Amino acid sequence: MEQRISLVTLGVADLPRARTFYERLGWHGQQVEETVFLQAGGLALVLWGRDKLAADAGVDDPGDDGFGGITLAQNMRSRAEVDDALAAAASAGATVTRPPRETFYGGYAGCFTDPDGHVWEIAWNPGFPLASDGTLTVPDFGTSG
């Protein structure tokens, strides 16, 4: 199996609300039937009804919060971009769960949840510089395996 991710699908309680939230962040999507597809660099972020996603995956959905042990993250080019992105998320209706602060790895990061409780980390990490197109390449940590 190739080491890559093509799509990240978020199960949402209210598709129009979720789409509106991401559009307020400046993202642009296309709705096909009851699914919204948003281009996110080299992959797609997909918004789909939580009940439909669970049924399609063959799993029971015990809750209505978005935290399932997963955090989505977006790396920024500076501390100021972190502050700006978290402010934009709050203005779009997000709940800031951790205001931006210095991190243990020498960076700067904060977190928010979208209207369905999905956690996003917004970070500046000097050890993970971004290319001009926004892509991230994991650095060589000098470890094996």
N, C-alpha and C. Protein backbone atom coordinates (compact mmCIF):
# COMPACT_ATOMS: atom_id res chain seq x y z
N MET A 1 0.84 -1.18 0.00
CA MET A 1 0.00 0.00 0.00
C MET A 1 0.89 1.24 0.00
N GLU A 2 0.58 2.19 -0.87
CA GLU A 2 1.35 3.43 -0.93
C GLU A 2 1.16 4.26 0.33
N GLN A 3 2.19 4.99 0.71
CA GLN A 3 2.14 5.83 1.91
C GLN A 3 1.63 7.21 1.51
N ARG A 4 0.29 7.33 1.45
CA ARG A 4 -0.30 8.61 1.09
C ARG A 4 -1.75 8.64 1.52
N ILE A 5 -2.28 9.83 1.71
CA ILE A 5 -3.69 10.03 2.02
C ILE A 5 -4.29 10.85 0.90
N SER A 6 -5.43 10.41 0.39
CA SER A 6 -6.08 11.11 -0.70
C SER A 6 -7.24 11.97 -0.23
N LEU A 7 -8.02 11.44 0.72
CA LEU A 7 -9.21 12.14 1.22
C LEU A 7 -9.28 12.02 2.73
N VAL A 8 -9.76 13.07 3.38
CA VAL A 8 -10.12 13.03 4.79
C VAL A 8 -11.59 13.40 4.83
N THR A 9 -12.42 12.50 5.33
CA THR A 9 -13.86 12.75 5.39
C THR A 9 -14.28 13.02 6.83
N LEU A 10 -14.96 14.14 7.03
CA LEU A 10 -15.48 14.49 8.34
C LEU A 10 -16.98 14.22 8.36
N GLY A 11 -17.41 13.43 9.32
CA GLY A 11 -18.84 13.20 9.51
C GLY A 11 -19.45 14.41 10.21
N VAL A 12 -20.46 15.01 9.60
CA VAL A 12 -21.05 16.23 10.14
C VAL A 12 -22.53 16.03 10.43
N ALA A 13 -23.02 16.76 11.45
CA ALA A 13 -24.42 16.66 11.84
C ALA A 13 -25.32 17.45 10.91
N ASP A 14 -24.82 18.55 10.37
CA ASP A 14 -25.63 19.46 9.56
C ASP A 14 -24.76 19.91 8.39
N LEU A 15 -24.97 19.33 7.22
CA LEU A 15 -24.10 19.60 6.07
C LEU A 15 -24.10 21.07 5.66
N PRO A 16 -25.25 21.75 5.54
CA PRO A 16 -25.19 23.18 5.18
C PRO A 16 -24.42 24.02 6.21
N ARG A 17 -24.59 23.71 7.49
CA ARG A 17 -23.86 24.45 8.54
C ARG A 17 -22.36 24.23 8.38
N ALA A 18 -21.95 22.97 8.18
CA ALA A 18 -20.53 22.65 8.04
C ALA A 18 -19.94 23.33 6.81
N ARG A 19 -20.66 23.27 5.69
CA ARG A 19 -20.16 23.92 4.47
C ARG A 19 -20.00 25.42 4.69
N THR A 20 -21.00 26.04 5.30
CA THR A 20 -20.95 27.48 5.58
C THR A 20 -19.73 27.82 6.44
N PHE A 21 -19.48 27.00 7.46
CA PHE A 21 -18.32 27.23 8.34
C PHE A 21 -17.03 27.25 7.53
N TYR A 22 -16.80 26.22 6.72
CA TYR A 22 -15.55 26.14 5.96
C TYR A 22 -15.48 27.24 4.91
N GLU A 23 -16.60 27.63 4.33
CA GLU A 23 -16.59 28.75 3.38
C GLU A 23 -16.24 30.06 4.09
N ARG A 24 -16.68 30.22 5.33
CA ARG A 24 -16.32 31.42 6.10
C ARG A 24 -14.83 31.45 6.39
N LEU A 25 -14.18 30.29 6.40
CA LEU A 25 -12.73 30.23 6.56
C LEU A 25 -12.01 30.56 5.25
N GLY A 26 -12.77 30.68 4.17
CA GLY A 26 -12.18 30.99 2.87
C GLY A 26 -11.97 29.77 1.99
N TRP A 27 -12.45 28.60 2.42
CA TRP A 27 -12.34 27.40 1.62
C TRP A 27 -13.47 27.38 0.60
N HIS A 28 -13.22 26.75 -0.53
CA HIS A 28 -14.24 26.66 -1.58
C HIS A 28 -14.50 25.19 -1.89
N GLY A 29 -15.78 24.84 -1.94
CA GLY A 29 -16.12 23.45 -2.18
C GLY A 29 -17.18 23.29 -3.24
N GLN A 30 -17.37 22.04 -3.61
CA GLN A 30 -18.40 21.66 -4.55
C GLN A 30 -19.28 20.63 -3.89
N GLN A 31 -20.59 20.80 -4.00
CA GLN A 31 -21.50 19.82 -3.43
C GLN A 31 -22.00 18.92 -4.54
N VAL A 32 -21.86 17.62 -4.31
CA VAL A 32 -22.37 16.60 -5.21
C VAL A 32 -23.33 15.76 -4.39
N GLU A 33 -24.60 15.82 -4.75
CA GLU A 33 -25.64 15.18 -3.98
C GLU A 33 -25.55 15.66 -2.54
N GLU A 34 -25.30 14.81 -1.58
CA GLU A 34 -25.25 15.22 -0.18
C GLU A 34 -23.85 15.18 0.39
N THR A 35 -22.86 15.52 -0.44
CA THR A 35 -21.46 15.48 -0.05
C THR A 35 -20.76 16.74 -0.56
N VAL A 36 -19.93 17.36 0.29
CA VAL A 36 -19.16 18.54 -0.12
C VAL A 36 -17.69 18.15 -0.21
N PHE A 37 -17.07 18.50 -1.34
CA PHE A 37 -15.66 18.22 -1.57
C PHE A 37 -14.91 19.55 -1.61
N LEU A 38 -13.86 19.66 -0.76
CA LEU A 38 -13.03 20.86 -0.70
C LEU A 38 -11.60 20.47 -1.03
N GLN A 39 -11.00 21.12 -2.02
CA GLN A 39 -9.60 20.85 -2.35
C GLN A 39 -8.73 21.37 -1.22
N ALA A 40 -7.82 20.56 -0.74
CA ALA A 40 -6.94 20.93 0.37
C ALA A 40 -5.52 20.54 -0.01
N GLY A 41 -4.88 21.38 -0.80
CA GLY A 41 -3.55 21.03 -1.29
C GLY A 41 -3.65 19.81 -2.19
N GLY A 42 -2.85 18.80 -1.90
CA GLY A 42 -2.83 17.60 -2.71
C GLY A 42 -3.84 16.55 -2.29
N LEU A 43 -4.75 16.90 -1.38
CA LEU A 43 -5.79 15.95 -0.99
C LEU A 43 -7.11 16.68 -0.89
N ALA A 44 -8.16 15.95 -0.60
CA ALA A 44 -9.49 16.56 -0.47
C ALA A 44 -10.02 16.38 0.94
N LEU A 45 -10.66 17.43 1.44
CA LEU A 45 -11.41 17.35 2.68
C LEU A 45 -12.86 17.20 2.25
N VAL A 46 -13.52 16.18 2.81
CA VAL A 46 -14.88 15.86 2.42
C VAL A 46 -15.80 16.01 3.63
N LEU A 47 -16.93 16.65 3.43
CA LEU A 47 -17.96 16.79 4.47
C LEU A 47 -19.13 15.91 4.06
N TRP A 48 -19.53 15.03 4.98
CA TRP A 48 -20.61 14.09 4.66
C TRP A 48 -21.40 13.85 5.93
N GLY A 49 -22.65 13.56 5.82
CA GLY A 49 -23.48 13.30 6.99
C GLY A 49 -22.86 12.23 7.88
N ARG A 50 -22.78 12.54 9.16
CA ARG A 50 -22.16 11.63 10.13
C ARG A 50 -22.82 10.25 10.10
N ASP A 51 -24.15 10.22 10.04
CA ASP A 51 -24.87 8.94 10.02
C ASP A 51 -24.55 8.15 8.76
N LYS A 52 -24.46 8.84 7.63
CA LYS A 52 -24.13 8.17 6.37
C LYS A 52 -22.70 7.63 6.39
N LEU A 53 -21.78 8.43 6.95
CA LEU A 53 -20.39 8.01 7.02
C LEU A 53 -20.23 6.77 7.88
N ALA A 54 -20.88 6.76 9.05
CA ALA A 54 -20.81 5.59 9.94
C ALA A 54 -21.40 4.36 9.26
N ALA A 55 -22.56 4.52 8.63
CA ALA A 55 -23.19 3.38 7.96
C ALA A 55 -22.31 2.86 6.83
N ASP A 56 -21.73 3.78 6.06
CA ASP A 56 -20.88 3.39 4.95
C ASP A 56 -19.64 2.65 5.43
N ALA A 57 -19.11 3.06 6.58
CA ALA A 57 -17.91 2.42 7.14
C ALA A 57 -18.23 1.15 7.91
N GLY A 58 -19.53 0.88 8.15
CA GLY A 58 -19.92 -0.32 8.87
C GLY A 58 -19.63 -0.26 10.35
N VAL A 59 -19.73 0.96 10.94
CA VAL A 59 -19.46 1.12 12.36
C VAL A 59 -20.66 1.77 13.05
N ASP A 60 -20.77 1.54 14.36
CA ASP A 60 -21.76 2.22 15.16
C ASP A 60 -21.21 3.59 15.54
N ASP A 61 -22.09 4.57 15.62
CA ASP A 61 -21.69 5.92 15.99
C ASP A 61 -22.27 6.23 17.37
N PRO A 62 -21.46 6.08 18.42
CA PRO A 62 -21.98 6.24 19.77
C PRO A 62 -22.16 7.68 20.24
N GLY A 63 -21.62 8.66 19.52
CA GLY A 63 -21.70 10.03 20.03
C GLY A 63 -21.92 11.05 18.96
N ASP A 64 -22.04 12.29 19.39
CA ASP A 64 -22.25 13.36 18.44
C ASP A 64 -21.14 14.40 18.45
N ASP A 65 -20.06 14.11 19.18
CA ASP A 65 -18.94 15.05 19.14
C ASP A 65 -17.96 14.60 18.06
N GLY A 66 -17.11 15.49 17.60
CA GLY A 66 -16.20 15.18 16.51
C GLY A 66 -14.88 14.60 16.95
N PHE A 67 -14.65 14.49 18.26
CA PHE A 67 -13.35 13.99 18.68
C PHE A 67 -13.36 12.48 18.74
N GLY A 68 -12.63 11.89 17.85
CA GLY A 68 -12.51 10.44 17.81
C GLY A 68 -11.05 10.04 17.90
N GLY A 69 -10.25 10.85 18.62
CA GLY A 69 -8.83 10.54 18.72
C GLY A 69 -8.04 11.04 17.53
N ILE A 70 -8.62 11.96 16.75
CA ILE A 70 -7.96 12.49 15.57
C ILE A 70 -7.95 14.01 15.65
N THR A 71 -6.83 14.61 15.30
CA THR A 71 -6.74 16.05 15.18
C THR A 71 -6.22 16.37 13.79
N LEU A 72 -6.92 17.25 13.09
CA LEU A 72 -6.45 17.74 11.80
C LEU A 72 -5.51 18.90 12.09
N ALA A 73 -4.53 19.12 11.24
CA ALA A 73 -3.58 20.20 11.50
C ALA A 73 -3.24 20.93 10.22
N GLN A 74 -3.00 22.22 10.38
CA GLN A 74 -2.52 23.03 9.28
C GLN A 74 -1.30 23.80 9.78
N ASN A 75 -0.18 23.62 9.10
CA ASN A 75 1.02 24.37 9.45
C ASN A 75 1.03 25.69 8.71
N MET A 76 1.52 26.72 9.39
CA MET A 76 1.57 28.07 8.86
C MET A 76 3.03 28.48 8.71
N ARG A 77 3.24 29.63 8.10
CA ARG A 77 4.60 30.11 7.85
C ARG A 77 5.14 31.00 8.96
N SER A 78 4.27 31.44 9.90
CA SER A 78 4.73 32.33 10.96
C SER A 78 3.77 32.29 12.14
N ARG A 79 4.25 32.83 13.26
CA ARG A 79 3.38 32.96 14.43
C ARG A 79 2.17 33.85 14.11
N ALA A 80 2.41 34.93 13.37
CA ALA A 80 1.32 35.86 13.02
C ALA A 80 0.24 35.14 12.21
N GLU A 81 0.64 34.24 11.31
CA GLU A 81 -0.35 33.49 10.53
C GLU A 81 -1.17 32.57 11.43
N VAL A 82 -0.56 32.02 12.47
CA VAL A 82 -1.29 31.20 13.44
C VAL A 82 -2.37 32.05 14.11
N ASP A 83 -1.96 33.22 14.60
CA ASP A 83 -2.92 34.13 15.25
C ASP A 83 -4.05 34.50 14.30
N ASP A 84 -3.72 34.83 13.07
CA ASP A 84 -4.72 35.24 12.09
C ASP A 84 -5.69 34.10 11.77
N ALA A 85 -5.15 32.88 11.61
CA ALA A 85 -6.00 31.74 11.27
C ALA A 85 -6.95 31.40 12.42
N LEU A 86 -6.46 31.45 13.65
CA LEU A 86 -7.34 31.17 14.78
C LEU A 86 -8.41 32.25 14.95
N ALA A 87 -8.06 33.49 14.70
CA ALA A 87 -9.05 34.56 14.76
C ALA A 87 -10.10 34.38 13.67
N ALA A 88 -9.67 34.01 12.47
CA ALA A 88 -10.61 33.77 11.37
C ALA A 88 -11.54 32.61 11.69
N ALA A 89 -10.99 31.55 12.28
CA ALA A 89 -11.82 30.40 12.65
C ALA A 89 -12.86 30.80 13.69
N ALA A 90 -12.45 31.57 14.69
CA ALA A 90 -13.40 32.02 15.71
C ALA A 90 -14.49 32.88 15.08
N SER A 91 -14.11 33.76 14.16
CA SER A 91 -15.10 34.60 13.48
C SER A 91 -16.06 33.79 12.63
N ALA A 92 -15.57 32.64 12.13
CA ALA A 92 -16.41 31.77 11.30
C ALA A 92 -17.33 30.88 12.13
N GLY A 93 -17.14 30.87 13.46
CA GLY A 93 -18.00 30.07 14.32
C GLY A 93 -17.31 28.95 15.06
N ALA A 94 -15.99 28.87 14.96
CA ALA A 94 -15.24 27.84 15.67
C ALA A 94 -15.16 28.18 17.16
N THR A 95 -14.87 27.17 17.94
CA THR A 95 -14.58 27.36 19.36
C THR A 95 -13.08 27.17 19.55
N VAL A 96 -12.40 28.21 19.99
CA VAL A 96 -10.95 28.09 20.25
C VAL A 96 -10.80 27.32 21.55
N THR A 97 -10.20 26.13 21.46
CA THR A 97 -10.06 25.26 22.63
C THR A 97 -8.70 25.43 23.31
N ARG A 98 -7.73 25.94 22.56
CA ARG A 98 -6.41 26.24 23.13
C ARG A 98 -5.85 27.46 22.42
N PRO A 99 -5.84 28.59 23.10
CA PRO A 99 -5.27 29.78 22.46
C PRO A 99 -3.83 29.51 22.05
N PRO A 100 -3.33 30.23 21.04
CA PRO A 100 -1.96 29.98 20.59
C PRO A 100 -0.94 30.27 21.68
N ARG A 101 0.07 29.41 21.73
CA ARG A 101 1.15 29.58 22.71
C ARG A 101 2.39 28.85 22.21
N GLU A 102 3.50 29.14 22.86
CA GLU A 102 4.76 28.48 22.53
C GLU A 102 4.61 26.97 22.80
N THR A 103 5.27 26.16 21.99
CA THR A 103 5.19 24.71 22.14
C THR A 103 6.51 24.14 22.65
N PHE A 104 6.46 22.89 23.07
CA PHE A 104 7.66 22.21 23.57
C PHE A 104 8.71 22.01 22.48
N TYR A 105 8.30 22.02 21.21
CA TYR A 105 9.25 21.78 20.12
C TYR A 105 9.79 23.08 19.52
N GLY A 106 9.53 24.21 20.17
CA GLY A 106 10.05 25.48 19.70
C GLY A 106 9.17 26.19 18.70
N GLY A 107 7.95 25.71 18.56
CA GLY A 107 7.01 26.34 17.64
C GLY A 107 5.95 27.15 18.38
N TYR A 108 4.82 27.32 17.73
CA TYR A 108 3.73 28.14 18.25
C TYR A 108 2.44 27.57 17.68
N ALA A 109 1.46 27.26 18.54
CA ALA A 109 0.26 26.59 18.04
C ALA A 109 -0.93 26.84 18.95
N GLY A 110 -2.10 26.70 18.36
CA GLY A 110 -3.37 26.75 19.07
C GLY A 110 -4.35 25.80 18.40
N CYS A 111 -5.49 25.58 19.05
CA CYS A 111 -6.47 24.63 18.52
C CYS A 111 -7.88 25.22 18.55
N PHE A 112 -8.70 24.73 17.62
CA PHE A 112 -10.12 25.06 17.62
C PHE A 112 -10.92 23.84 17.22
N THR A 113 -12.21 23.88 17.52
CA THR A 113 -13.12 22.85 17.02
C THR A 113 -14.10 23.50 16.06
N ASP A 114 -14.44 22.76 15.00
CA ASP A 114 -15.45 23.23 14.06
C ASP A 114 -16.83 22.99 14.67
N PRO A 115 -17.91 23.36 14.00
CA PRO A 115 -19.24 23.19 14.60
C PRO A 115 -19.62 21.75 14.95
N ASP A 116 -18.93 20.77 14.37
CA ASP A 116 -19.22 19.37 14.68
C ASP A 116 -18.24 18.79 15.69
N GLY A 117 -17.35 19.62 16.23
CA GLY A 117 -16.42 19.15 17.25
C GLY A 117 -15.11 18.59 16.73
N HIS A 118 -14.88 18.66 15.40
CA HIS A 118 -13.61 18.18 14.86
C HIS A 118 -12.51 19.15 15.27
N VAL A 119 -11.43 18.59 15.80
CA VAL A 119 -10.34 19.41 16.33
C VAL A 119 -9.33 19.73 15.23
N TRP A 120 -8.98 21.00 15.15
CA TRP A 120 -7.94 21.49 14.24
C TRP A 120 -6.84 22.12 15.07
N GLU A 121 -5.60 21.77 14.75
CA GLU A 121 -4.44 22.47 15.32
C GLU A 121 -3.89 23.38 14.23
N ILE A 122 -3.63 24.62 14.59
CA ILE A 122 -3.00 25.58 13.68
C ILE A 122 -1.62 25.86 14.28
N ALA A 123 -0.56 25.57 13.51
CA ALA A 123 0.78 25.61 14.09
C ALA A 123 1.81 26.24 13.16
N TRP A 124 2.79 26.86 13.78
CA TRP A 124 4.03 27.23 13.11
C TRP A 124 5.10 26.37 13.75
N ASN A 125 5.79 25.59 12.92
CA ASN A 125 6.82 24.69 13.41
C ASN A 125 8.09 24.94 12.60
N PRO A 126 9.12 25.51 13.22
CA PRO A 126 10.33 25.82 12.47
C PRO A 126 11.03 24.58 11.92
N GLY A 127 10.74 23.41 12.45
CA GLY A 127 11.35 22.18 11.96
C GLY A 127 10.64 21.58 10.76
N PHE A 128 9.48 22.13 10.41
CA PHE A 128 8.70 21.64 9.27
C PHE A 128 8.41 22.81 8.32
N PRO A 129 9.43 23.32 7.64
CA PRO A 129 9.18 24.44 6.74
C PRO A 129 8.26 24.04 5.58
N LEU A 130 7.50 25.01 5.12
CA LEU A 130 6.56 24.77 4.03
C LEU A 130 7.17 25.23 2.71
N ALA A 131 6.86 24.48 1.64
CA ALA A 131 7.26 24.90 0.30
C ALA A 131 6.37 26.07 -0.11
N SER A 132 6.71 26.73 -1.19
CA SER A 132 5.94 27.89 -1.63
C SER A 132 4.49 27.53 -1.92
N ASP A 133 4.23 26.29 -2.31
CA ASP A 133 2.85 25.88 -2.58
C ASP A 133 2.13 25.36 -1.33
N GLY A 134 2.78 25.46 -0.17
CA GLY A 134 2.15 25.05 1.08
C GLY A 134 2.35 23.60 1.46
N THR A 135 3.04 22.83 0.62
CA THR A 135 3.23 21.43 0.97
C THR A 135 4.29 21.29 2.05
N LEU A 136 4.11 20.27 2.84
CA LEU A 136 5.01 19.96 3.94
C LEU A 136 5.74 18.66 3.62
N THR A 137 7.03 18.65 3.87
CA THR A 137 7.81 17.42 3.74
C THR A 137 8.36 17.09 5.11
N VAL A 138 8.12 15.88 5.56
CA VAL A 138 8.63 15.46 6.87
C VAL A 138 10.16 15.48 6.78
N PRO A 139 10.80 16.16 7.73
CA PRO A 139 12.28 16.23 7.69
C PRO A 139 12.91 14.90 8.03
N ASP A 140 14.18 14.75 7.70
CA ASP A 140 14.93 13.56 8.07
C ASP A 140 15.37 13.75 9.52
N PHE A 141 14.81 12.95 10.40
CA PHE A 141 15.12 13.05 11.82
C PHE A 141 16.37 12.29 12.20
N GLY A 142 16.97 11.61 11.22
CA GLY A 142 18.19 10.87 11.49
C GLY A 142 17.97 9.60 12.28
N THR A 143 16.75 9.08 12.24
CA THR A 143 16.44 7.83 12.92
C THR A 143 16.17 6.77 11.90
N SER A 144 16.28 5.55 12.30
CA SER A 144 15.93 4.46 11.37
C SER A 144 14.59 3.88 11.80
N GLY A 145 13.75 3.65 10.80
CA GLY A 145 12.44 3.06 11.07
C GLY A 145 11.51 4.03 11.47
